[in-house]
Amino acid sequence: MATQKDIRREKIKRRIRGRVLGTPARPRLSVFRSNTRIYAQIIDDTRGVTLASASSFDLNATKLNIEVAKEVGKKLAEKATANGIKAVVFDRNGYLYHGKVKALADGAREGGLQF
């Protein structure tokens, strides 16, 4: 059974995905956050392919905090630039642009990605 919070996030997610589309020139950076982990993918929606991904699981982080989220963003930017990706569109996936989601975006910007 979905909670009210999940229903609200799903509505926001659908509204965002209606406007944000990843193309080969500017793929979509999608963020998923759980209670213990944070995941990020760079996706080309026209082909339906994940081009790069990173997560707090890759960093062997035991706790999720803002510093870990920022490191995930930097790691993702490093992988993206190795694949020749310089610019992305940001898909916050229904989450508020605050805290860990914002830290991940800032880390990706510091790593060289342009939003």
Protein backbone atom coordinates (compact mmCIF):
# COMPACT_ATOMS: atom_id res chain seq x y z
CA MET A 1 0.00 0.00 0.00
CA ALA A 2 1.42 3.34 -1.05
CA THR A 3 1.65 6.12 1.47
CA GLN A 4 0.51 9.67 0.81
CA LYS A 5 4.15 10.74 0.54
CA ASP A 6 4.84 8.11 -2.15
CA ILE A 7 1.77 9.15 -4.14
CA ARG A 8 2.83 12.81 -4.00
CA ARG A 9 6.38 11.98 -5.14
CA GLU A 10 5.04 9.84 -8.00
CA LYS A 11 2.86 12.71 -9.25
CA ILE A 12 5.80 15.11 -9.14
CA LYS A 13 8.00 12.52 -10.86
CA ARG A 14 5.53 12.11 -13.75
CA ARG A 15 5.27 15.88 -14.15
CA ILE A 16 9.07 16.25 -14.29
CA ARG A 17 9.49 13.35 -16.73
CA GLY A 18 6.94 14.96 -19.03
CA ARG A 19 9.32 17.88 -19.47
CA VAL A 20 12.76 16.31 -19.09
CA LEU A 21 14.06 14.03 -21.84
CA GLY A 22 17.57 12.68 -22.24
CA THR A 23 18.98 12.91 -25.76
CA PRO A 24 22.33 11.69 -27.10
CA ALA A 25 23.61 15.29 -26.98
CA ARG A 26 22.30 15.94 -23.42
CA PRO A 27 21.47 12.74 -21.55
CA ARG A 28 19.37 12.72 -18.37
CA LEU A 29 20.98 12.49 -14.93
CA SER A 30 18.48 10.61 -12.78
CA VAL A 31 18.75 10.40 -8.98
CA PHE A 32 17.25 7.77 -6.68
CA ARG A 33 17.53 8.11 -2.93
CA SER A 34 16.67 5.49 -0.35
CA ASN A 35 17.05 5.63 3.42
CA THR A 36 20.53 4.12 3.30
CA ARG A 37 21.87 4.70 -0.24
CA ILE A 38 21.86 7.19 -3.10
CA TYR A 39 22.11 6.20 -6.77
CA ALA A 40 22.63 8.26 -9.92
CA GLN A 41 22.48 7.29 -13.58
CA ILE A 42 23.08 9.09 -16.83
CA ILE A 43 20.49 7.84 -19.32
CA ASP A 44 19.95 8.30 -23.06
CA ASP A 45 16.14 8.07 -23.32
CA THR A 46 16.04 7.84 -27.12
CA ARG A 47 17.91 4.51 -27.03
CA GLY A 48 16.89 3.51 -23.51
CA VAL A 49 20.50 2.99 -22.43
CA THR A 50 22.33 3.82 -19.20
CA LEU A 51 25.60 5.52 -20.15
CA ALA A 52 27.15 5.87 -16.68
CA SER A 53 26.15 5.19 -13.10
CA ALA A 54 27.43 5.65 -9.58
CA SER A 55 26.13 4.96 -6.11
CA SER A 56 27.07 5.17 -2.46
CA PHE A 57 27.37 1.38 -2.61
CA ASP A 58 30.39 1.80 -4.92
CA LEU A 59 32.10 4.00 -2.33
CA ASN A 60 31.59 1.43 0.47
CA ALA A 61 29.89 4.13 2.54
CA THR A 62 28.19 2.87 5.67
CA LYS A 63 25.99 5.93 6.21
CA LEU A 64 24.32 8.27 3.75
CA ASN A 65 25.06 11.91 4.37
CA ILE A 66 25.70 15.04 2.33
CA GLU A 67 29.44 14.35 1.96
CA VAL A 68 28.79 10.85 0.57
CA ALA A 69 26.19 12.23 -1.86
CA LYS A 70 28.70 14.83 -3.08
CA GLU A 71 31.32 12.11 -3.64
CA VAL A 72 28.79 10.07 -5.65
CA GLY A 73 28.22 13.14 -7.85
CA LYS A 74 31.95 13.56 -8.40
CA LYS A 75 32.38 9.86 -9.20
CA LEU A 76 29.52 10.03 -11.70
CA ALA A 77 31.01 13.12 -13.37
CA GLU A 78 34.35 11.33 -13.63
CA LYS A 79 32.74 8.34 -15.37
CA ALA A 80 30.69 10.62 -17.64
CA THR A 81 33.67 12.66 -18.82
CA ALA A 82 35.52 9.41 -19.53
CA ASN A 83 32.59 8.47 -21.81
CA GLY A 84 32.65 11.89 -23.51
CA ILE A 85 29.58 13.35 -21.79
CA LYS A 86 29.89 17.02 -20.89
CA ALA A 87 26.32 18.29 -20.50
CA VAL A 88 23.25 16.67 -18.92
CA VAL A 89 19.71 17.54 -17.89
CA PHE A 90 18.97 16.96 -14.21
CA ASP A 91 16.06 14.72 -13.18
CA ARG A 92 15.54 14.97 -9.44
CA ASN A 93 12.99 12.15 -9.70
CA GLY A 94 10.33 13.78 -7.52
CA TYR A 95 12.65 14.56 -4.61
CA LEU A 96 13.09 18.10 -3.31
CA TYR A 97 16.20 19.85 -4.62
CA HIS A 98 17.63 20.07 -1.12
CA GLY A 99 20.10 18.23 1.06
CA LYS A 100 21.51 15.05 -0.44
CA VAL A 101 20.00 15.57 -3.92
CA LYS A 102 21.47 19.08 -4.09
CA ALA A 103 24.84 17.80 -2.80
CA LEU A 104 24.93 15.15 -5.54
CA ALA A 105 24.20 17.81 -8.17
CA ASP A 106 26.89 20.11 -6.75
CA GLY A 107 29.40 17.25 -6.77
CA ALA A 108 28.59 16.49 -10.41
CA ARG A 109 29.07 20.16 -11.29
CA GLU A 110 32.42 20.22 -9.49
CA GLY A 111 33.40 17.12 -11.42
CA GLY A 112 32.85 18.95 -14.71
CA LEU A 113 29.27 18.23 -15.79
CA GLN A 114 27.15 21.12 -17.05
CA PHE A 115 23.44 21.26 -16.23
